[in-house]
Amino acid sequence: MHLMQIVTEGGVRRVAALEDGARSAYVLADAITVRDLALRAIEAGTTLAGMTALLRTSEPVDPAALLSEGRVICPIDHPDPAHLYVTGTGLTHLGSAASRDDMHRKPIADSEMTDSMRLFLMGREGGKPASGQTGVQPEWFYKGNGSIIAAPGAALDSPAFALDGSEEPEIAGIYLIGPDGTPFRLGFTLANEFSDHVMERQNYLYLAHSKLRACAIGPTLLLGELPPDVRGRSRILRDGHVVWERDFLTGEANMAHSIANLEAHHFKYPAFRRPGDIHVHFFGTATLSFTDGVELHEGDMFDIAAGPFPLSLSNQLRRVAAEAVRVAAL
């Protein structure tokens, strides 16, 4: 089952449920946001899927039509974007270290191992601990708050100071912190993590800067567990023509870390367990157009699709004019 946040023709927000690969889709009764729906499920002691079943209606919707009309918003949000954290982990996928290793190898001798490769191998060795145990910690990064997330079909803004803006096709986990500080995983969504790889290549210590960019998630939220082997396709279209295309693999069968291990290391910090907060956490990728030398143009369209998700995530690259920022003394 999938959930989708939509806007009706009258401008009213609703939550819709999709079943059987989106062949059956309907709005939920008295459900305005996924976050509120999840809070109700926690209070009732049931699951998000269980609460969804209780609110089923016979009012159908057409998810593809809603998407084409621009009436699908992100599958999760918060009334105060500052209470939505966007974070992620890198070097998590089998093969993901190769491009990063090449990016960071130039300053050192070929015989030396980069920190990227060393961290990846640590994950291969200890990133999937036994149930109930915590393994080696992954690379972790902060992207921003809820204000940086672009809805399906919306523009992905690249700032004037950026040296690059290119896609990272991923799966993201969506979490709500319950009233007692317990992190609840609501589900999974398609995501485009979107980073500045040219800046990162200049110096590994610029990684933090390179991640402070927009991102996109959606259109739907997959409830339940993520299949262990997820296969998808990432494309870039220019003027309606495909200029780059590659398959990508994700899911735990294709990862050096278990999702539980990534979650354990993120939520071990008390600041990330504040009741009511939302977390969007990117799990990483091994597929980038940047590694194939693709130079992106304004107006290029990113399109990401993957097996468990009935609709693809598409966003267009937009360059943003330079801002005059001045720090004022008070």
Protein backbone atom coordinates (compact mmCIF):
# COMPACT_ATOMS: atom_id res chain seq x y z
CA MET A 1 0.00 0.00 0.00
CA HIS A 2 1.08 3.55 -0.78
CA LEU A 3 -0.06 6.93 0.52
CA MET A 4 -0.09 10.16 -1.46
CA GLN A 5 -0.74 13.74 -0.38
CA ILE A 6 -2.87 15.57 -2.92
CA VAL A 7 -4.70 18.85 -3.47
CA THR A 8 -8.25 18.73 -4.81
CA GLU A 9 -9.54 20.96 -7.61
CA GLY A 10 -10.99 23.15 -4.90
CA GLY A 11 -7.56 23.59 -3.28
CA VAL A 12 -8.23 21.29 -0.32
CA ARG A 13 -5.54 18.94 0.96
CA ARG A 14 -6.37 15.24 1.21
CA VAL A 15 -4.55 11.95 1.72
CA ALA A 16 -5.11 9.22 -0.87
CA ALA A 17 -4.29 5.51 -0.64
CA LEU A 18 -3.05 3.42 -3.57
CA GLU A 19 -3.40 -0.35 -3.75
CA ASP A 20 -2.64 -3.08 -6.27
CA GLY A 21 0.04 -1.06 -8.07
CA ALA A 22 -2.16 2.07 -8.14
CA ARG A 23 -4.92 0.22 -10.00
CA SER A 24 -7.11 1.05 -7.02
CA ALA A 25 -6.79 4.52 -5.50
CA TYR A 26 -9.14 6.42 -3.22
CA VAL A 27 -9.14 9.33 -0.79
CA LEU A 28 -9.26 8.74 2.95
CA ALA A 29 -12.02 10.10 5.13
CA ASP A 30 -11.03 12.90 7.49
CA ALA A 31 -7.31 12.71 6.57
CA ILE A 32 -5.60 15.96 5.65
CA THR A 33 -1.90 15.08 6.08
CA VAL A 34 0.14 11.91 6.44
CA ARG A 35 1.75 13.31 9.59
CA ASP A 36 -1.62 13.77 11.31
CA LEU A 37 -2.69 10.32 10.13
CA ALA A 38 0.45 8.81 11.67
CA LEU A 39 -0.07 10.64 14.97
CA ARG A 40 -3.59 9.24 15.12
CA ALA A 41 -2.25 5.74 14.47
CA ILE A 42 0.26 6.09 17.32
CA GLU A 43 -2.44 7.32 19.69
CA ALA A 44 -4.75 4.44 18.69
CA GLY A 45 -1.99 1.86 19.08
CA THR A 46 -2.31 0.68 15.49
CA THR A 47 -0.20 0.85 12.32
CA LEU A 48 -0.33 3.45 9.59
CA ALA A 49 -1.76 0.79 7.25
CA GLY A 50 -4.35 -0.13 9.90
CA MET A 51 -5.44 3.47 10.31
CA THR A 52 -5.62 3.82 6.52
CA ALA A 53 -7.95 0.82 6.30
CA LEU A 54 -10.27 2.36 8.88
CA LEU A 55 -10.61 5.55 6.81
CA ARG A 56 -11.14 3.96 3.41
CA THR A 57 -13.81 5.55 1.20
CA SER A 58 -15.37 4.76 -2.16
CA GLU A 59 -14.24 8.10 -3.60
CA PRO A 60 -11.75 7.19 -6.36
CA VAL A 61 -8.82 9.24 -7.59
CA ASP A 62 -6.53 8.96 -10.61
CA PRO A 63 -2.93 9.24 -9.30
CA ALA A 64 -1.36 9.66 -12.75
CA ALA A 65 -3.80 12.44 -13.66
CA LEU A 66 -3.23 14.19 -10.34
CA LEU A 67 0.52 14.04 -10.94
CA SER A 68 0.27 15.44 -14.47
CA GLU A 69 -1.97 18.27 -13.20
CA GLY A 70 0.57 19.27 -10.52
CA ARG A 71 -1.78 18.37 -7.66
CA VAL A 72 0.54 15.91 -5.91
CA ILE A 73 2.68 17.31 -3.10
CA CYS A 74 5.47 15.63 -1.15
CA PRO A 75 4.31 12.47 0.67
CA ILE A 76 5.36 14.00 4.00
CA ASP A 77 5.71 17.53 5.36
CA HIS A 78 5.51 19.46 8.61
CA PRO A 79 3.53 22.64 9.36
CA ASP A 80 6.83 24.17 10.50
CA PRO A 81 9.57 23.19 7.98
CA ALA A 82 12.23 23.80 10.65
CA HIS A 83 10.95 20.67 12.41
CA LEU A 84 11.65 18.47 9.39
CA TYR A 85 15.23 17.21 9.15
CA VAL A 86 16.73 16.14 5.81
CA THR A 87 19.80 13.94 6.29
CA GLY A 88 21.52 10.99 4.67
CA THR A 89 24.24 8.40 4.68
CA GLY A 90 26.82 7.77 1.97
CA LEU A 91 29.11 4.90 0.95
CA THR A 92 26.29 2.53 1.81
CA HIS A 93 25.84 0.68 -1.48
CA LEU A 94 27.92 -2.04 -3.09
CA GLY A 95 29.85 -0.21 -5.79
CA SER A 96 29.21 3.25 -4.36
CA ALA A 97 32.81 3.64 -3.23
CA ALA A 98 34.25 3.38 -6.75
CA SER A 99 33.21 6.84 -7.97
CA ARG A 100 33.94 8.45 -4.62
CA ASP A 101 37.35 6.79 -4.49
CA ASP A 102 38.19 8.12 -7.94
CA MET A 103 36.95 11.57 -6.95
CA HIS A 104 39.28 11.69 -3.94
CA ARG A 105 42.26 9.79 -5.29
CA LYS A 106 44.00 12.53 -7.29
CA PRO A 107 45.87 14.15 -4.40
CA ILE A 108 47.33 10.89 -3.09
CA ALA A 109 49.53 8.09 -4.36
CA ASP A 110 47.75 5.27 -6.18
CA SER A 111 49.11 2.80 -3.66
CA GLU A 112 47.34 4.51 -0.75
CA MET A 113 43.75 3.81 0.25
CA THR A 114 41.42 6.81 0.38
CA ASP A 115 39.35 7.49 3.48
CA SER A 116 36.28 6.87 1.32
CA MET A 117 37.36 3.36 0.40
CA ARG A 118 38.45 2.66 3.96
CA LEU A 119 35.04 3.68 5.32
CA PHE A 120 33.22 1.67 2.66
CA LEU A 121 35.20 -1.45 3.54
CA MET A 122 34.40 -0.90 7.21
CA GLY A 123 30.76 -0.95 6.23
CA ARG A 124 31.20 -4.13 4.19
CA GLU A 125 32.77 -5.75 7.23
CA GLY A 126 30.47 -4.50 9.98
CA GLY A 127 27.47 -2.68 8.51
CA LYS A 128 25.01 -5.54 8.88
CA PRO A 129 25.19 -6.66 12.51
CA ALA A 130 23.01 -9.36 14.05
CA SER A 131 19.52 -8.39 15.14
CA GLY A 132 19.57 -6.26 18.26
CA GLN A 133 23.19 -5.20 17.78
CA THR A 134 24.69 -2.03 16.33
CA GLY A 135 27.36 -2.20 13.67
CA VAL A 136 29.95 0.23 12.36
CA GLN A 137 28.68 3.76 11.87
CA PRO A 138 28.29 5.05 8.30
CA GLU A 139 29.19 8.36 6.76
CA TRP A 140 26.45 10.83 7.70
CA PHE A 141 25.49 14.24 6.32
CA TYR A 142 22.95 17.01 6.82
CA LYS A 143 21.13 18.51 3.82
CA GLY A 144 18.75 21.00 5.36
CA ASN A 145 15.20 21.31 6.66
CA GLY A 146 11.79 20.89 5.08
CA SER A 147 12.12 24.10 3.07
CA ILE A 148 14.62 22.48 0.66
CA ILE A 149 12.32 19.66 -0.51
CA ALA A 150 10.82 19.99 -3.99
CA ALA A 151 7.49 18.31 -4.72
CA PRO A 152 7.11 15.84 -7.59
CA GLY A 153 7.12 17.81 -10.83
CA ALA A 154 8.54 20.95 -9.21
CA ALA A 155 11.85 22.57 -10.11
CA LEU A 156 15.07 21.53 -8.40
CA ASP A 157 16.86 24.80 -7.75
CA SER A 158 20.63 25.01 -8.10
CA PRO A 159 22.11 28.16 -6.49
CA ALA A 160 24.22 30.61 -8.46
CA PHE A 161 27.34 29.69 -6.46
CA ALA A 162 26.99 25.98 -7.24
CA LEU A 163 29.62 24.34 -9.45
CA ASP A 164 27.35 21.43 -10.32
CA GLY A 165 23.85 20.19 -9.67
CA SER A 166 23.15 16.59 -10.57
CA GLU A 167 20.93 13.75 -9.53
CA GLU A 168 21.37 10.99 -6.98
CA PRO A 169 18.59 8.39 -7.38
CA GLU A 170 17.83 6.90 -3.98
CA ILE A 171 15.29 5.58 -1.53
CA ALA A 172 14.59 7.70 1.53
CA GLY A 173 13.09 6.58 4.83
CA ILE A 174 10.38 8.75 6.37
CA TYR A 175 10.15 8.96 10.17
CA LEU A 176 7.94 10.61 12.77
CA ILE A 177 9.07 11.03 16.38
CA GLY A 178 6.27 9.92 18.68
CA PRO A 179 5.08 11.74 21.81
CA ASP A 180 7.45 9.70 24.03
CA GLY A 181 10.49 10.24 21.76
CA THR A 182 10.20 6.93 19.89
CA PRO A 183 11.16 7.15 16.19
CA PHE A 184 8.44 5.58 14.02
CA ARG A 185 9.29 4.64 10.45
CA LEU A 186 6.27 5.60 8.33
CA GLY A 187 7.62 4.08 5.14
CA PHE A 188 9.85 4.65 2.13
CA THR A 189 9.78 6.96 -0.87
CA LEU A 190 11.62 7.55 -4.12
CA ALA A 191 14.11 10.38 -3.80
CA ASN A 192 16.54 12.54 -5.74
CA GLU A 193 19.25 13.63 -3.31
CA PHE A 194 20.79 16.15 -5.78
CA SER A 195 24.32 17.29 -4.90
CA ASP A 196 27.23 19.41 -6.10
CA HIS A 197 29.81 16.80 -7.10
CA VAL A 198 32.25 19.25 -8.67
CA MET A 199 32.54 21.09 -5.37
CA GLU A 200 33.00 17.81 -3.52
CA ARG A 201 35.74 16.74 -5.95
CA GLN A 202 37.76 19.87 -5.21
CA ASN A 203 38.38 18.68 -1.66
CA TYR A 204 36.77 15.93 0.40
CA LEU A 205 36.25 18.41 3.24
CA TYR A 206 33.80 20.24 0.96
CA LEU A 207 31.41 17.27 1.19
CA ALA A 208 29.30 19.08 3.78
CA HIS A 209 28.96 22.12 1.50
CA SER A 210 28.13 19.95 -1.52
CA LYS A 211 25.15 18.40 0.26
CA LEU A 212 23.47 21.72 1.18
CA ARG A 213 21.26 21.67 -1.87
CA ALA A 214 17.64 21.09 -2.77
CA CYS A 215 16.23 17.57 -3.05
CA ALA A 216 13.01 15.90 -4.16
CA ILE A 217 10.90 13.06 -2.76
CA GLY A 218 7.75 11.23 -3.80
CA PRO A 219 5.24 10.97 -5.29
CA THR A 220 4.14 8.15 -2.96
CA LEU A 221 4.99 6.72 0.45
CA LEU A 222 5.41 2.93 0.51
CA LEU A 223 4.09 1.47 3.77
CA GLY A 224 5.64 -1.60 5.37
CA GLU A 225 9.06 -3.04 4.62
CA LEU A 226 11.27 -2.17 1.66
CA PRO A 227 11.94 -5.19 -0.59
CA PRO A 228 15.54 -6.39 -0.18
CA ASP A 229 16.31 -6.08 -3.91
CA VAL A 230 15.03 -2.88 -5.50
CA ARG A 231 15.80 -2.20 -9.15
CA GLY A 232 15.24 1.15 -10.75
CA ARG A 233 16.17 3.41 -13.62
CA SER A 234 17.48 6.96 -13.60
CA ARG A 235 17.18 9.14 -16.70
CA ILE A 236 17.98 12.67 -17.81
CA LEU A 237 15.83 14.17 -20.55
CA ARG A 238 16.68 17.29 -22.54
CA ASP A 239 14.00 18.80 -24.76
CA GLY A 240 12.07 15.57 -24.44
CA HIS A 241 14.98 13.33 -25.48
CA VAL A 242 16.90 10.96 -23.22
CA VAL A 243 20.53 12.11 -22.97
CA TRP A 244 21.57 9.73 -20.19
CA GLU A 245 20.04 6.59 -18.72
CA ARG A 246 21.24 3.95 -16.30
CA ASP A 247 19.79 1.23 -14.08
CA PHE A 248 20.40 1.43 -10.34
CA LEU A 249 20.19 -1.10 -7.54
CA THR A 250 19.19 -0.50 -3.95
CA GLY A 251 17.58 -2.34 -1.05
CA GLU A 252 19.54 -4.22 1.60
CA ALA A 253 20.65 -6.97 -0.80
CA ASN A 254 22.63 -4.30 -2.65
CA MET A 255 23.84 -2.37 0.39
CA ALA A 256 26.84 -2.63 2.68
CA HIS A 257 24.73 -1.51 5.65
CA SER A 258 21.38 -2.69 6.90
CA ILE A 259 18.65 -0.10 7.14
CA ALA A 260 18.35 -0.87 10.86
CA ASN A 261 22.03 -0.02 11.33
CA LEU A 262 21.64 3.29 9.48
CA GLU A 263 18.61 4.10 11.62
CA ALA A 264 20.38 3.17 14.85
CA HIS A 265 23.26 5.55 14.17
CA HIS A 266 20.97 8.40 13.14
CA PHE A 267 18.54 8.20 16.04
CA LYS A 268 21.16 7.55 18.71
CA TYR A 269 21.43 11.34 19.00
CA PRO A 270 18.84 12.74 21.45
CA ALA A 271 18.40 15.89 19.32
CA PHE A 272 16.92 13.68 16.60
CA ARG A 273 14.26 12.25 18.92
CA ARG A 274 12.23 15.38 19.60
CA PRO A 275 8.48 14.57 19.73
CA GLY A 276 6.55 15.65 16.66
CA ASP A 277 9.56 16.11 14.37
CA ILE A 278 9.77 14.54 10.92
CA HIS A 279 12.94 13.02 9.45
CA VAL A 280 13.65 12.33 5.78
CA HIS A 281 16.77 10.18 5.60
CA PHE A 282 18.49 9.27 2.31
CA PHE A 283 20.02 5.80 2.17
CA GLY A 284 22.56 6.43 -0.61
CA THR A 285 23.20 5.33 -4.19
CA ALA A 286 25.86 3.88 -6.46
CA THR A 287 24.62 5.45 -9.72
CA LEU A 288 25.40 9.00 -10.87
CA SER A 289 25.42 10.69 -14.27
CA PHE A 290 28.34 12.74 -12.96
CA THR A 291 30.64 9.70 -13.04
CA ASP A 292 29.85 9.35 -16.77
CA GLY A 293 30.93 12.92 -17.44
CA VAL A 294 27.43 14.25 -18.14
CA GLU A 295 27.20 18.05 -18.11
CA LEU A 296 23.74 19.22 -17.15
CA HIS A 297 21.87 22.14 -18.68
CA GLU A 298 19.16 24.30 -17.20
CA GLY A 299 15.82 22.75 -18.02
CA ASP A 300 17.10 19.16 -17.99
CA MET A 301 14.53 16.78 -16.53
CA PHE A 302 15.49 14.13 -13.97
CA ASP A 303 13.25 11.06 -13.98
CA ILE A 304 13.65 8.30 -11.37
CA ALA A 305 11.60 5.10 -11.26
CA ALA A 306 11.91 1.90 -9.21
CA GLY A 307 10.00 -1.38 -8.98
CA PRO A 308 8.03 -1.02 -5.74
CA PHE A 309 6.81 2.48 -6.60
CA PRO A 310 3.91 2.90 -9.04
CA LEU A 311 4.84 6.43 -10.18
CA SER A 312 8.16 7.96 -11.13
CA LEU A 313 9.71 11.08 -9.59
CA SER A 314 10.42 13.84 -12.12
CA ASN A 315 11.95 17.26 -11.51
CA GLN A 316 13.51 19.89 -13.74
CA LEU A 317 16.85 21.58 -13.12
CA ARG A 318 16.58 25.34 -12.59
CA ARG A 319 19.46 27.76 -12.03
CA VAL A 320 18.75 30.41 -9.43
CA ALA A 321 20.01 33.98 -9.74
CA ALA A 322 22.66 35.15 -7.31
CA GLU A 323 21.45 36.66 -4.05
CA ALA A 324 23.00 39.66 -2.36
CA VAL A 325 23.39 38.44 1.21
CA ARG A 326 24.57 40.89 3.85
CA VAL A 327 25.06 40.19 7.52
CA ALA A 328 23.73 43.13 9.49
CA ALA A 329 25.18 44.15 12.83
CA LEU A 330 22.55 44.64 15.52
